[in-house]
Amino acid sequence: MSAITGISGIGGNATAQPAATNGSGGTSFDAILEAFKKAASETPEQRARDAVLKKHDLSEEDYKKLPPREKEAIDKEIAAAVRKVHERRTGVAIGDAPVSTEKLLG
């Protein structure tokens, strides 16, 4: 017999409730874990590039299919984002000279 009464889950005939699980409508733990692993394996510069593509609602495949003029505009935005990240990480300003994203991303 329990001395504490009136608290749910404590006492005579309380039953354990199963932990909540994600149903078909939610994101699975495995998907979240894979997304975390991907993000953790990327450099901050790569994450900055991904953020620009996401901002424009573009997948990598969509980006590759862009017309040259649109791709150039996205590339400039990516370069600016990567520069900011690089400057914050290293404390060294790259400047405003155009630098290819391939050079910045390594």
C-alpha atoms as a PDB file:
ATOM      1  CA  MET A   1       0.000   0.000   0.000  1.00  0.00           C
ATOM      2  CA  SER A   2       1.313   3.415  -0.940  1.00  0.00           C
ATOM      3  CA  ALA A   3       1.471   6.273   1.531  1.00  0.00           C
ATOM      4  CA  ILE A   4       1.136   8.836  -1.259  1.00  0.00           C
ATOM      5  CA  THR A   5      -2.278   9.125  -2.846  1.00  0.00           C
ATOM      6  CA  GLY A   6      -3.926  11.488  -5.243  1.00  0.00           C
ATOM      7  CA  ILE A   7      -0.948  11.759  -7.593  1.00  0.00           C
ATOM      8  CA  SER A   8      -1.463  10.160 -10.944  1.00  0.00           C
ATOM      9  CA  GLY A   9       0.937   7.313 -11.624  1.00  0.00           C
ATOM     10  CA  ILE A  10       1.788   6.701  -7.968  1.00  0.00           C
ATOM     11  CA  GLY A  11       0.026   4.143  -5.909  1.00  0.00           C
ATOM     12  CA  GLY A  12      -1.874   0.916  -6.056  1.00  0.00           C
ATOM     13  CA  ASN A  13      -3.151   0.239  -9.544  1.00  0.00           C
ATOM     14  CA  ALA A  14      -1.310   2.699 -11.796  1.00  0.00           C
ATOM     15  CA  THR A  15      -0.238   1.313 -15.152  1.00  0.00           C
ATOM     16  CA  ALA A  16       2.757   2.399 -17.149  1.00  0.00           C
ATOM     17  CA  GLN A  17       2.011   4.279 -20.346  1.00  0.00           C
ATOM     18  CA  PRO A  18       4.135   3.567 -23.418  1.00  0.00           C
ATOM     19  CA  ALA A  19       6.345   6.360 -24.671  1.00  0.00           C
ATOM     20  CA  ALA A  20       4.913   8.438 -27.483  1.00  0.00           C
ATOM     21  CA  THR A  21       6.057   7.385 -30.909  1.00  0.00           C
ATOM     22  CA  ASN A  22       5.980   9.154 -34.214  1.00  0.00           C
ATOM     23  CA  GLY A  23       3.117   8.044 -36.376  1.00  0.00           C
ATOM     24  CA  SER A  24       3.009   8.094 -40.128  1.00  0.00           C
ATOM     25  CA  GLY A  25       2.265  11.833 -40.034  1.00  0.00           C
ATOM     26  CA  GLY A  26       5.475  12.803 -38.232  1.00  0.00           C
ATOM     27  CA  THR A  27       9.130  12.784 -39.119  1.00  0.00           C
ATOM     28  CA  SER A  28      10.837   9.613 -38.059  1.00  0.00           C
ATOM     29  CA  PHE A  29      13.745   9.618 -35.667  1.00  0.00           C
ATOM     30  CA  ASP A  30      15.936   7.973 -38.311  1.00  0.00           C
ATOM     31  CA  ALA A  31      15.249  10.782 -40.792  1.00  0.00           C
ATOM     32  CA  ILE A  32      16.085  13.402 -38.171  1.00  0.00           C
ATOM     33  CA  LEU A  33      19.254  11.538 -37.241  1.00  0.00           C
ATOM     34  CA  GLU A  34      20.350  11.318 -40.882  1.00  0.00           C
ATOM     35  CA  ALA A  35      19.737  15.052 -41.378  1.00  0.00           C
ATOM     36  CA  PHE A  36      21.799  15.799 -38.266  1.00  0.00           C
ATOM     37  CA  LYS A  37      24.645  13.555 -39.446  1.00  0.00           C
ATOM     38  CA  LYS A  38      24.651  15.274 -42.842  1.00  0.00           C
ATOM     39  CA  ALA A  39      24.736  18.740 -41.285  1.00  0.00           C
ATOM     40  CA  ALA A  40      27.442  17.722 -38.815  1.00  0.00           C
ATOM     41  CA  SER A  41      29.671  16.397 -41.587  1.00  0.00           C
ATOM     42  CA  GLU A  42      29.459  19.612 -43.633  1.00  0.00           C
ATOM     43  CA  THR A  43      31.740  22.585 -43.237  1.00  0.00           C
ATOM     44  CA  PRO A  44      30.178  25.890 -42.158  1.00  0.00           C
ATOM     45  CA  GLU A  45      30.750  27.147 -45.701  1.00  0.00           C
ATOM     46  CA  GLN A  46      28.812  24.211 -47.148  1.00  0.00           C
ATOM     47  CA  ARG A  47      25.991  24.861 -44.691  1.00  0.00           C
ATOM     48  CA  ALA A  48      25.930  28.524 -45.790  1.00  0.00           C
ATOM     49  CA  ARG A  49      25.582  27.389 -49.423  1.00  0.00           C
ATOM     50  CA  ASP A  50      22.791  24.989 -48.468  1.00  0.00           C
ATOM     51  CA  ALA A  51      21.032  27.788 -46.583  1.00  0.00           C
ATOM     52  CA  VAL A  52      21.047  30.035 -49.662  1.00  0.00           C
ATOM     53  CA  LEU A  53      19.625  27.246 -51.816  1.00  0.00           C
ATOM     54  CA  LYS A  54      16.972  26.548 -49.178  1.00  0.00           C
ATOM     55  CA  LYS A  55      16.132  30.261 -48.971  1.00  0.00           C
ATOM     56  CA  HIS A  56      15.334  30.133 -52.697  1.00  0.00           C
ATOM     57  CA  ASP A  57      13.529  26.796 -52.295  1.00  0.00           C
ATOM     58  CA  LEU A  58      16.036  25.056 -54.583  1.00  0.00           C
ATOM     59  CA  SER A  59      17.332  21.537 -54.430  1.00  0.00           C
ATOM     60  CA  GLU A  60      20.787  20.769 -55.816  1.00  0.00           C
ATOM     61  CA  GLU A  61      19.110  19.368 -58.945  1.00  0.00           C
ATOM     62  CA  ASP A  62      16.966  22.501 -59.347  1.00  0.00           C
ATOM     63  CA  TYR A  63      20.057  24.681 -58.975  1.00  0.00           C
ATOM     64  CA  LYS A  64      21.893  22.772 -61.705  1.00  0.00           C
ATOM     65  CA  LYS A  65      18.938  23.266 -64.079  1.00  0.00           C
ATOM     66  CA  LEU A  66      18.799  27.053 -63.634  1.00  0.00           C
ATOM     67  CA  PRO A  67      19.471  29.271 -66.634  1.00  0.00           C
ATOM     68  CA  PRO A  68      22.959  30.835 -66.536  1.00  0.00           C
ATOM     69  CA  ARG A  69      21.733  34.313 -65.552  1.00  0.00           C
ATOM     70  CA  GLU A  70      19.731  33.021 -62.563  1.00  0.00           C
ATOM     71  CA  LYS A  71      22.521  30.662 -61.561  1.00  0.00           C
ATOM     72  CA  GLU A  72      24.989  33.556 -61.576  1.00  0.00           C
ATOM     73  CA  ALA A  73      22.772  35.582 -59.237  1.00  0.00           C
ATOM     74  CA  ILE A  74      22.500  32.630 -56.835  1.00  0.00           C
ATOM     75  CA  ASP A  75      26.274  32.078 -57.073  1.00  0.00           C
ATOM     76  CA  LYS A  76      26.900  35.685 -56.027  1.00  0.00           C
ATOM     77  CA  GLU A  77      24.606  35.276 -53.034  1.00  0.00           C
ATOM     78  CA  ILE A  78      26.309  31.993 -52.109  1.00  0.00           C
ATOM     79  CA  ALA A  79      29.738  33.628 -52.394  1.00  0.00           C
ATOM     80  CA  ALA A  80      28.662  36.481 -50.103  1.00  0.00           C
ATOM     81  CA  ALA A  81      27.262  34.039 -47.511  1.00  0.00           C
ATOM     82  CA  VAL A  82      30.390  31.874 -47.649  1.00  0.00           C
ATOM     83  CA  ARG A  83      32.614  34.963 -47.303  1.00  0.00           C
ATOM     84  CA  LYS A  84      30.745  36.005 -44.158  1.00  0.00           C
ATOM     85  CA  VAL A  85      31.117  32.567 -42.631  1.00  0.00           C
ATOM     86  CA  HIS A  86      34.804  32.392 -43.534  1.00  0.00           C
ATOM     87  CA  GLU A  87      35.471  35.851 -42.117  1.00  0.00           C
ATOM     88  CA  ARG A  88      33.666  35.001 -38.876  1.00  0.00           C
ATOM     89  CA  ARG A  89      35.576  31.731 -38.511  1.00  0.00           C
ATOM     90  CA  THR A  90      39.035  33.028 -39.345  1.00  0.00           C
ATOM     91  CA  GLY A  91      38.863  36.730 -38.591  1.00  0.00           C
ATOM     92  CA  VAL A  92      40.430  37.329 -42.017  1.00  0.00           C
ATOM     93  CA  ALA A  93      38.454  39.387 -44.506  1.00  0.00           C
ATOM     94  CA  ILE A  94      38.462  38.009 -48.025  1.00  0.00           C
ATOM     95  CA  GLY A  95      37.327  41.328 -49.430  1.00  0.00           C
ATOM     96  CA  ASP A  96      34.951  42.089 -52.231  1.00  0.00           C
ATOM     97  CA  ALA A  97      37.032  40.568 -55.035  1.00  0.00           C
ATOM     98  CA  PRO A  98      35.053  37.854 -56.748  1.00  0.00           C
ATOM     99  CA  VAL A  99      36.200  34.473 -55.556  1.00  0.00           C
ATOM    100  CA  SER A 100      34.727  31.291 -56.950  1.00  0.00           C
ATOM    101  CA  THR A 101      32.645  29.285 -54.538  1.00  0.00           C
ATOM    102  CA  GLU A 102      34.759  26.246 -55.393  1.00  0.00           C
ATOM    103  CA  LYS A 103      37.820  27.994 -53.961  1.00  0.00           C
ATOM    104  CA  LEU A 104      35.922  29.043 -50.834  1.00  0.00           C
ATOM    105  CA  LEU A 105      34.342  25.658 -50.289  1.00  0.00           C
ATOM    106  CA  GLY A 106      37.659  23.897 -50.808  1.00  0.00           C
END
